[in-house]
C-alpha atoms as a PDB file:
ATOM      1  CA  MET A   1      70.227  55.162 116.581  1.00  0.00           C
ATOM      2  CA  GLY A   2      73.415  55.665 115.189  1.00  0.00           C
ATOM      3  CA  VAL A   3      76.781  56.042 117.013  1.00  0.00           C
ATOM      4  CA  PRO A   4      77.163  59.032 119.016  1.00  0.00           C
ATOM      5  CA  VAL A   5      79.468  61.748 117.700  1.00  0.00           C
ATOM      6  CA  LEU A   6      82.194  62.720 120.321  1.00  0.00           C
ATOM      7  CA  ARG A   7      83.836  66.242 119.943  1.00  0.00           C
ATOM      8  CA  ILE A   8      86.153  67.857 122.074  1.00  0.00           C
ATOM      9  CA  VAL A   9      83.979  70.762 123.405  1.00  0.00           C
ATOM     10  CA  ALA A  10      86.509  72.436 125.832  1.00  0.00           C
ATOM     11  CA  ARG A  11      89.538  71.513 127.898  1.00  0.00           C
ATOM     12  CA  GLY A  12      89.433  71.567 131.517  1.00  0.00           C
ATOM     13  CA  TYR A  13      91.957  70.645 134.090  1.00  0.00           C
ATOM     14  CA  VAL A  14      92.532  69.092 137.345  1.00  0.00           C
ATOM     15  CA  GLY A  15      93.506  71.807 140.362  1.00  0.00           C
ATOM     16  CA  LYS A  16      95.851  71.308 143.379  1.00  0.00           C
ATOM     17  CA  LYS A  17      93.212  69.483 145.475  1.00  0.00           C
ATOM     18  CA  GLY A  18      92.071  67.412 143.177  1.00  0.00           C
ATOM     19  CA  GLU A  19      88.980  69.941 141.813  1.00  0.00           C
ATOM     20  CA  ILE A  20      88.027  69.179 138.314  1.00  0.00           C
ATOM     21  CA  TYR A  21      87.551  72.402 135.997  1.00  0.00           C
ATOM     22  CA  ILE A  22      85.511  72.136 132.906  1.00  0.00           C
ATOM     23  CA  GLY A  23      85.658  74.949 130.510  1.00  0.00           C
ATOM     24  CA  LYS A  24      82.499  77.481 129.969  1.00  0.00           C
ATOM     25  CA  LYS A  25      81.144  76.206 126.831  1.00  0.00           C
ATOM     26  CA  ALA A  26      80.886  72.402 128.148  1.00  0.00           C
ATOM     27  CA  ARG A  27      79.256  73.907 131.151  1.00  0.00           C
ATOM     28  CA  GLU A  28      76.470  75.855 128.907  1.00  0.00           C
ATOM     29  CA  LEU A  29      76.113  72.874 126.494  1.00  0.00           C
ATOM     30  CA  LEU A  30      75.337  70.728 129.695  1.00  0.00           C
ATOM     31  CA  GLY A  31      73.448  73.537 131.497  1.00  0.00           C
ATOM     32  CA  VAL A  32      75.204  73.372 134.294  1.00  0.00           C
ATOM     33  CA  LYS A  33      75.184  76.050 136.734  1.00  0.00           C
ATOM     34  CA  PRO A  34      76.950  76.282 140.377  1.00  0.00           C
ATOM     35  CA  GLY A  35      75.207  74.345 142.879  1.00  0.00           C
ATOM     36  CA  ASP A  36      74.132  71.965 140.273  1.00  0.00           C
ATOM     37  CA  GLU A  37      74.818  68.010 141.435  1.00  0.00           C
ATOM     38  CA  LEU A  38      76.849  66.274 138.753  1.00  0.00           C
ATOM     39  CA  ILE A  39      77.106  62.037 138.319  1.00  0.00           C
ATOM     40  CA  VAL A  40      80.623  61.371 137.605  1.00  0.00           C
ATOM     41  CA  TYR A  41      81.842  57.598 136.471  1.00  0.00           C
ATOM     42  CA  THR A  42      84.179  56.023 134.520  1.00  0.00           C
ATOM     43  CA  ARG A  43      83.595  54.064 131.371  1.00  0.00           C
ATOM     44  CA  ASP A  44      86.811  51.805 130.116  1.00  0.00           C
ATOM     45  CA  ASN A  45      89.433  54.975 130.122  1.00  0.00           C
ATOM     46  CA  GLU A  46      87.110  57.777 130.234  1.00  0.00           C
ATOM     47  CA  LEU A  47      85.862  59.924 132.897  1.00  0.00           C
ATOM     48  CA  VAL A  48      82.035  60.636 132.390  1.00  0.00           C
ATOM     49  CA  ILE A  49      80.576  63.612 133.813  1.00  0.00           C
ATOM     50  CA  ARG A  50      76.393  64.033 133.651  1.00  0.00           C
ATOM     51  CA  LYS A  51      74.275  66.553 135.411  1.00  0.00           C
ATOM     52  CA  ALA A  52      72.166  64.751 137.613  1.00  0.00           C
ATOM     53  CA  PRO A  53      68.453  65.244 136.898  1.00  0.00           C
ATOM     54  CA  LYS A  54      66.346  67.023 139.489  1.00  0.00           C
ATOM     55  CA  LEU A  55      63.264  65.557 141.015  1.00  0.00           C
ATOM     56  CA  GLU A  56      60.909  68.173 139.244  1.00  0.00           C
ATOM     57  CA  ASP A  57      62.505  67.248 135.937  1.00  0.00           C
ATOM     58  CA  ILE A  58      61.760  63.466 136.732  1.00  0.00           C
ATOM     59  CA  LEU A  59      58.157  64.351 138.099  1.00  0.00           C
ATOM     60  CA  ARG A  60      57.203  65.824 134.807  1.00  0.00           C
ATOM     61  CA  LYS A  61      58.100  62.780 132.640  1.00  0.00           C
ATOM     62  CA  LYS A  62      55.572  60.542 131.946  1.00  0.00           C
ATOM     63  CA  PRO A  63      55.366  57.262 133.922  1.00  0.00           C
ATOM     64  CA  LEU A  64      56.694  54.101 132.590  1.00  0.00           C
ATOM     65  CA  ALA A  65      53.965  51.998 134.342  1.00  0.00           C
ATOM     66  CA  THR A  66      51.098  52.747 136.539  1.00  0.00           C
ATOM     67  CA  ILE A  67      50.030  50.242 139.505  1.00  0.00           C
ATOM     68  CA  SER A  68      47.350  50.569 142.115  1.00  0.00           C
ATOM     69  CA  VAL A  69      47.862  50.101 145.905  1.00  0.00           C
ATOM     70  CA  ARG A  70      46.261  47.128 145.591  1.00  0.00           C
ATOM     71  CA  GLU A  71      48.583  45.469 142.996  1.00  0.00           C
ATOM     72  CA  ILE A  72      51.472  46.312 145.315  1.00  0.00           C
ATOM     73  CA  GLU A  73      49.687  45.054 148.238  1.00  0.00           C
ATOM     74  CA  GLU A  74      48.981  41.805 146.205  1.00  0.00           C
ATOM     75  CA  ILE A  75      52.841  41.615 145.232  1.00  0.00           C
ATOM     76  CA  SER A  76      54.361  42.303 148.579  1.00  0.00           C
ATOM     77  CA  ASP A  77      51.885  39.680 150.243  1.00  0.00           C
ATOM     78  CA  GLU A  78      53.077  37.265 147.262  1.00  0.00           C
ATOM     79  CA  GLU A  79      57.160  38.029 148.112  1.00  0.00           C
ATOM     80  CA  GLN A  80      56.218  37.713 151.839  1.00  0.00           C
ATOM     81  CA  ARG A  81      54.624  34.183 151.565  1.00  0.00           C
ATOM     82  CA  LYS A  82      57.987  33.012 149.749  1.00  0.00           C
ATOM     83  CA  TYR A  83      60.005  33.564 153.154  1.00  0.00           C
ATOM     84  CA  THR A  84      57.493  32.415 155.732  1.00  0.00           C
END
């Protein structure tokens, strides 16, 4: 994987009450629609806005690992023994 190419997609601005407005092209590229949740964070001197994943999208993904109830209980018992 190479370094991602950054490009200016659209300009935005901050309103009088601190609302952040981004251009239509940027919203379309992200697939952001009214009512969608966003994740906003800073990285160095940047403001990063990402579309928050919906639960349905997360559940459709292939699991990273599978574990049985018995395995969970064994791990839980081991951890609890550490503190008794």
